[in-house]
Amino acid sequence: MDNLNIAKKIIFYGLICSVLVALIYQLFLIFNAPNFKETSPINISATVNTNLTSNYINQTATQLTNDEFSYKVVGYRAGEKNSSVVLRKADVDYVVQQGDLIDNTYRLISVSKEEIVFDRAGKQLYIKID
């Protein structure tokens, strides 16, 4: 019977110690909580030209060759807004939306049923769609 009472006391004091450790840890977290500072919103007054094709109306485009452009056209979505192209390179597919850069070189300008137009350093380049 004495062994049972000793076991109960050991379990009881062990639980009390566990609760005290958890309480001290919670107090530590409360006192060391991060301080959040009030910030003001950033004022951005720049305008963005979303009509990318208007910059390239008077330019003539040259056709991209496989030597220059190492991507293969897998699919495309042509429209007046939000056009995109799916390109494949080394078994990896990339979805490129109108205005996005590929390899920091080619910017997708427009997509139509006939061709996909890119810009490289201010020069228009296109890929014919079969």
Protein backbone atom coordinates (compact mmCIF):
# COMPACT_ATOMS: atom_id res chain seq x y z
CA MET A 1 0.00 0.00 0.00
CA ASP A 2 2.89 2.33 0.76
CA ASN A 3 4.30 1.73 -2.72
CA LEU A 4 0.97 2.77 -4.26
CA ASN A 5 0.91 6.02 -2.26
CA ILE A 6 4.50 6.78 -3.23
CA ALA A 7 3.69 6.14 -6.92
CA LYS A 8 0.66 8.45 -6.68
CA LYS A 9 2.76 11.22 -5.11
CA ILE A 10 5.47 10.84 -7.77
CA ILE A 11 2.88 11.08 -10.57
CA PHE A 12 1.12 14.02 -8.85
CA TYR A 13 4.32 16.02 -8.32
CA GLY A 14 5.48 15.16 -11.83
CA LEU A 15 2.23 16.59 -13.24
CA ILE A 16 2.57 19.71 -11.09
CA CYS A 17 6.14 20.23 -12.32
CA SER A 18 4.98 19.80 -15.94
CA VAL A 19 2.19 22.37 -15.44
CA LEU A 20 4.63 24.83 -13.83
CA VAL A 21 7.11 24.44 -16.70
CA ALA A 22 4.31 25.02 -19.25
CA LEU A 23 3.08 28.07 -17.32
CA ILE A 24 6.58 29.57 -17.13
CA TYR A 25 7.07 28.93 -20.85
CA GLN A 26 3.76 30.66 -21.68
CA LEU A 27 4.74 33.66 -19.56
CA PHE A 28 8.09 33.77 -21.33
CA LEU A 29 6.31 33.82 -24.71
CA ILE A 30 3.92 36.57 -23.59
CA PHE A 31 6.68 38.86 -22.30
CA ASN A 32 8.88 38.29 -25.36
CA ALA A 33 6.14 38.78 -27.95
CA PRO A 34 7.13 40.86 -31.00
CA ASN A 35 6.17 44.51 -31.17
CA PHE A 36 4.28 45.55 -34.29
CA LYS A 37 4.78 49.07 -35.51
CA GLU A 38 2.15 51.10 -37.32
CA THR A 39 3.16 51.74 -40.92
CA SER A 40 1.70 53.99 -43.54
CA PRO A 41 0.80 52.67 -47.00
CA ILE A 42 3.23 53.23 -49.84
CA ASN A 43 2.09 55.77 -52.40
CA ILE A 44 2.83 54.57 -55.90
CA SER A 45 1.99 57.11 -58.56
CA ALA A 46 3.59 55.43 -61.59
CA THR A 47 1.40 54.45 -64.50
CA VAL A 48 1.75 51.12 -66.24
CA ASN A 49 1.11 50.65 -69.93
CA THR A 50 -0.97 47.48 -70.18
CA ASN A 51 -1.47 47.77 -73.94
CA LEU A 52 1.85 46.29 -75.03
CA THR A 53 0.99 46.00 -78.70
CA SER A 54 0.55 49.77 -79.15
CA ASN A 55 4.30 50.32 -78.76
CA TYR A 56 5.06 47.99 -81.68
CA ILE A 57 2.50 48.97 -84.33
CA ASN A 58 4.98 50.59 -86.77
CA GLN A 59 7.66 47.91 -86.46
CA THR A 60 8.23 45.02 -88.79
CA ALA A 61 8.84 41.67 -87.16
CA THR A 62 11.36 39.04 -88.17
CA GLN A 63 10.78 35.33 -87.72
CA LEU A 64 12.47 33.52 -84.85
CA THR A 65 14.54 30.48 -85.79
CA ASN A 66 15.13 27.34 -83.74
CA ASP A 67 18.78 28.37 -83.33
CA GLU A 68 17.78 31.61 -81.60
CA PHE A 69 14.79 30.34 -79.62
CA SER A 70 15.37 27.07 -77.78
CA TYR A 71 11.75 26.67 -76.65
CA LYS A 72 9.04 24.64 -78.40
CA VAL A 73 5.48 26.01 -78.51
CA VAL A 74 3.19 23.45 -76.86
CA GLY A 75 0.00 25.51 -76.69
CA TYR A 76 -1.39 29.01 -76.66
CA ARG A 77 -4.40 31.06 -75.61
CA ALA A 78 -5.09 33.96 -77.96
CA GLY A 79 -7.37 36.83 -77.05
CA GLU A 80 -7.58 40.57 -76.69
CA LYS A 81 -6.55 40.37 -73.03
CA ASN A 82 -4.57 37.88 -70.96
CA SER A 83 -3.05 35.95 -73.84
CA SER A 84 -0.55 33.28 -72.91
CA VAL A 85 1.74 30.66 -74.43
CA VAL A 86 2.86 27.29 -73.09
CA LEU A 87 6.52 26.68 -73.98
CA ARG A 88 8.60 23.55 -73.44
CA LYS A 89 12.34 23.36 -72.90
CA ALA A 90 14.14 20.19 -71.75
CA ASP A 91 10.87 18.43 -70.80
CA VAL A 92 9.78 21.35 -68.58
CA ASP A 93 6.68 23.36 -69.47
CA TYR A 94 6.49 27.14 -68.89
CA VAL A 95 3.32 29.23 -69.01
CA VAL A 96 4.20 32.71 -70.26
CA GLN A 97 1.58 35.44 -70.07
CA GLN A 98 1.47 38.57 -72.18
CA GLY A 99 4.15 40.95 -70.87
CA ASP A 100 6.26 38.26 -69.17
CA LEU A 101 9.99 37.77 -69.84
CA ILE A 102 11.56 34.49 -70.91
CA ASP A 103 15.23 34.00 -70.00
CA ASN A 104 15.40 37.76 -69.28
CA THR A 105 15.54 38.21 -73.07
CA TYR A 106 12.24 37.63 -74.82
CA ARG A 107 9.06 39.50 -73.76
CA LEU A 108 5.74 38.10 -74.96
CA ILE A 109 3.94 40.91 -76.80
CA SER A 110 0.92 39.30 -78.44
CA VAL A 111 -0.67 36.00 -79.35
CA SER A 112 -3.00 35.43 -82.29
CA LYS A 113 -4.19 32.43 -84.25
CA GLU A 114 -1.49 33.07 -86.86
CA GLU A 115 1.59 34.05 -84.84
CA ILE A 116 3.19 34.63 -81.44
CA VAL A 117 5.11 37.92 -81.18
CA PHE A 118 8.05 38.50 -78.83
CA ASP A 119 10.27 41.52 -78.21
CA ARG A 120 14.03 41.20 -77.84
CA ALA A 121 15.90 44.43 -77.12
CA GLY A 122 13.29 46.56 -78.89
CA LYS A 123 13.10 44.31 -81.97
CA GLN A 124 9.94 42.36 -82.78
CA LEU A 125 10.31 38.64 -83.44
CA TYR A 126 7.55 36.19 -84.26
CA ILE A 127 6.81 32.49 -84.46
CA LYS A 128 4.30 31.27 -87.03
CA ILE A 129 1.60 28.96 -85.70
CA ASP A 130 0.94 25.98 -87.96
